[in-house]
Amino acid sequence: MGPDLYDRLLQALATGQWPNGSPLSEEQRGHAMQAVIAWGELNLPPEQRIGYIDKGHKAGDVCDETQPVTWLDEEKK
């Protein structure tokens, strides 16, 4: 399968119909989804694949600077 067929399957999944306008059956939708996912795993970098979730990263070892907590007495208000 080439990139052009991948794009057409992806478009069919997004719209729910084939390029000729006929609707996808549930079985066709399942097969198209499996083909798109499998092709993406083999040919695309992770951030372009279906279902990719960017989990981010920490900037350093410490997330936040610690700050002391000051308690206020009810009498001093």
C-alpha atoms as a PDB file:
ATOM      1  CA  MET A   1       0.000   0.000   0.000  1.00  0.00           C
ATOM      2  CA  GLY A   2       1.354   3.405  -0.919  1.00  0.00           C
ATOM      3  CA  PRO A   3       0.882   6.811   0.709  1.00  0.00           C
ATOM      4  CA  ASP A   4      -1.902   7.729  -1.729  1.00  0.00           C
ATOM      5  CA  LEU A   5      -4.036   4.745  -0.706  1.00  0.00           C
ATOM      6  CA  TYR A   6      -3.252   5.451   2.970  1.00  0.00           C
ATOM      7  CA  ASP A   7      -4.543   9.028   2.510  1.00  0.00           C
ATOM      8  CA  ARG A   8      -7.720   7.809   0.776  1.00  0.00           C
ATOM      9  CA  LEU A   9      -8.411   5.290   3.551  1.00  0.00           C
ATOM     10  CA  LEU A  10      -7.784   7.962   6.168  1.00  0.00           C
ATOM     11  CA  GLN A  11     -10.194  10.316   4.387  1.00  0.00           C
ATOM     12  CA  ALA A  12     -12.804   7.543   4.131  1.00  0.00           C
ATOM     13  CA  LEU A  13     -12.526   6.920   7.868  1.00  0.00           C
ATOM     14  CA  ALA A  14     -12.827  10.632   8.624  1.00  0.00           C
ATOM     15  CA  THR A  15     -15.901  11.167   6.429  1.00  0.00           C
ATOM     16  CA  GLY A  16     -17.539   7.756   6.735  1.00  0.00           C
ATOM     17  CA  GLN A  17     -17.735   7.329   2.975  1.00  0.00           C
ATOM     18  CA  TRP A  18     -15.626   6.217   0.047  1.00  0.00           C
ATOM     19  CA  PRO A  19     -14.397   8.759  -2.527  1.00  0.00           C
ATOM     20  CA  ASN A  20     -17.361   7.815  -4.776  1.00  0.00           C
ATOM     21  CA  GLY A  21     -19.780   8.820  -1.989  1.00  0.00           C
ATOM     22  CA  SER A  22     -20.940   5.365  -0.898  1.00  0.00           C
ATOM     23  CA  PRO A  23     -20.928   4.825   2.871  1.00  0.00           C
ATOM     24  CA  LEU A  24     -18.441   2.566   4.663  1.00  0.00           C
ATOM     25  CA  SER A  25     -19.952  -0.481   6.310  1.00  0.00           C
ATOM     26  CA  GLU A  26     -18.885  -1.312   9.852  1.00  0.00           C
ATOM     27  CA  GLU A  27     -16.792  -4.183   8.480  1.00  0.00           C
ATOM     28  CA  GLN A  28     -15.106  -1.911   5.930  1.00  0.00           C
ATOM     29  CA  ARG A  29     -14.455   0.686   8.625  1.00  0.00           C
ATOM     30  CA  GLY A  30     -12.756  -1.939  10.801  1.00  0.00           C
ATOM     31  CA  HIS A  31     -10.574  -3.220   7.965  1.00  0.00           C
ATOM     32  CA  ALA A  32      -9.651   0.300   6.846  1.00  0.00           C
ATOM     33  CA  MET A  33      -8.736   1.226  10.406  1.00  0.00           C
ATOM     34  CA  GLN A  34      -6.505  -1.835  10.786  1.00  0.00           C
ATOM     35  CA  ALA A  35      -4.782  -1.053   7.470  1.00  0.00           C
ATOM     36  CA  VAL A  36      -4.204   2.607   8.383  1.00  0.00           C
ATOM     37  CA  ILE A  37      -2.773   1.730  11.799  1.00  0.00           C
ATOM     38  CA  ALA A  38      -0.522  -1.026  10.421  1.00  0.00           C
ATOM     39  CA  TRP A  39       0.775   1.139   7.556  1.00  0.00           C
ATOM     40  CA  GLY A  40       1.466   4.004   9.955  1.00  0.00           C
ATOM     41  CA  GLU A  41       3.443   1.742  12.284  1.00  0.00           C
ATOM     42  CA  LEU A  42       5.669   0.670   9.401  1.00  0.00           C
ATOM     43  CA  ASN A  43       6.046   3.954   7.526  1.00  0.00           C
ATOM     44  CA  LEU A  44       5.469   6.967   9.762  1.00  0.00           C
ATOM     45  CA  PRO A  45       7.394   8.509  12.661  1.00  0.00           C
ATOM     46  CA  PRO A  46       5.610   8.032  16.010  1.00  0.00           C
ATOM     47  CA  GLU A  47       4.277  11.605  16.227  1.00  0.00           C
ATOM     48  CA  GLN A  48       2.431  11.224  12.891  1.00  0.00           C
ATOM     49  CA  ARG A  49       0.771   7.878  13.650  1.00  0.00           C
ATOM     50  CA  ILE A  50      -2.893   7.364  14.431  1.00  0.00           C
ATOM     51  CA  GLY A  51      -3.481   7.479  18.179  1.00  0.00           C
ATOM     52  CA  TYR A  52      -0.204   9.222  19.068  1.00  0.00           C
ATOM     53  CA  ILE A  53      -0.295  11.015  22.405  1.00  0.00           C
ATOM     54  CA  ASP A  54       2.425  13.549  23.183  1.00  0.00           C
ATOM     55  CA  LYS A  55       3.354  12.875  26.792  1.00  0.00           C
ATOM     56  CA  GLY A  56       5.797  15.776  26.946  1.00  0.00           C
ATOM     57  CA  HIS A  57       8.922  15.763  29.044  1.00  0.00           C
ATOM     58  CA  LYS A  58      10.317  17.395  32.141  1.00  0.00           C
ATOM     59  CA  ALA A  59      12.568  20.407  31.647  1.00  0.00           C
ATOM     60  CA  GLY A  60      14.920  19.277  34.409  1.00  0.00           C
ATOM     61  CA  ASP A  61      15.230  17.117  37.495  1.00  0.00           C
ATOM     62  CA  VAL A  62      13.231  19.454  39.727  1.00  0.00           C
ATOM     63  CA  CYS A  63       9.677  20.280  38.682  1.00  0.00           C
ATOM     64  CA  ASP A  64       8.999  23.176  41.061  1.00  0.00           C
ATOM     65  CA  GLU A  65      10.957  25.228  43.544  1.00  0.00           C
ATOM     66  CA  THR A  66       9.890  24.494  47.100  1.00  0.00           C
ATOM     67  CA  GLN A  67       8.277  27.362  48.971  1.00  0.00           C
ATOM     68  CA  PRO A  68       7.552  27.483  52.704  1.00  0.00           C
ATOM     69  CA  VAL A  69       3.946  27.555  53.870  1.00  0.00           C
ATOM     70  CA  THR A  70       3.016  30.264  56.374  1.00  0.00           C
ATOM     71  CA  TRP A  71       0.036  29.569  58.639  1.00  0.00           C
ATOM     72  CA  LEU A  72      -2.006  32.510  59.856  1.00  0.00           C
ATOM     73  CA  ASP A  73      -3.424  32.479  63.372  1.00  0.00           C
ATOM     74  CA  GLU A  74      -7.065  33.467  63.641  1.00  0.00           C
ATOM     75  CA  GLU A  75      -6.144  35.962  66.403  1.00  0.00           C
ATOM     76  CA  LYS A  76      -3.652  37.907  64.245  1.00  0.00           C
ATOM     77  CA  LYS A  77      -6.159  38.652  61.441  1.00  0.00           C
END
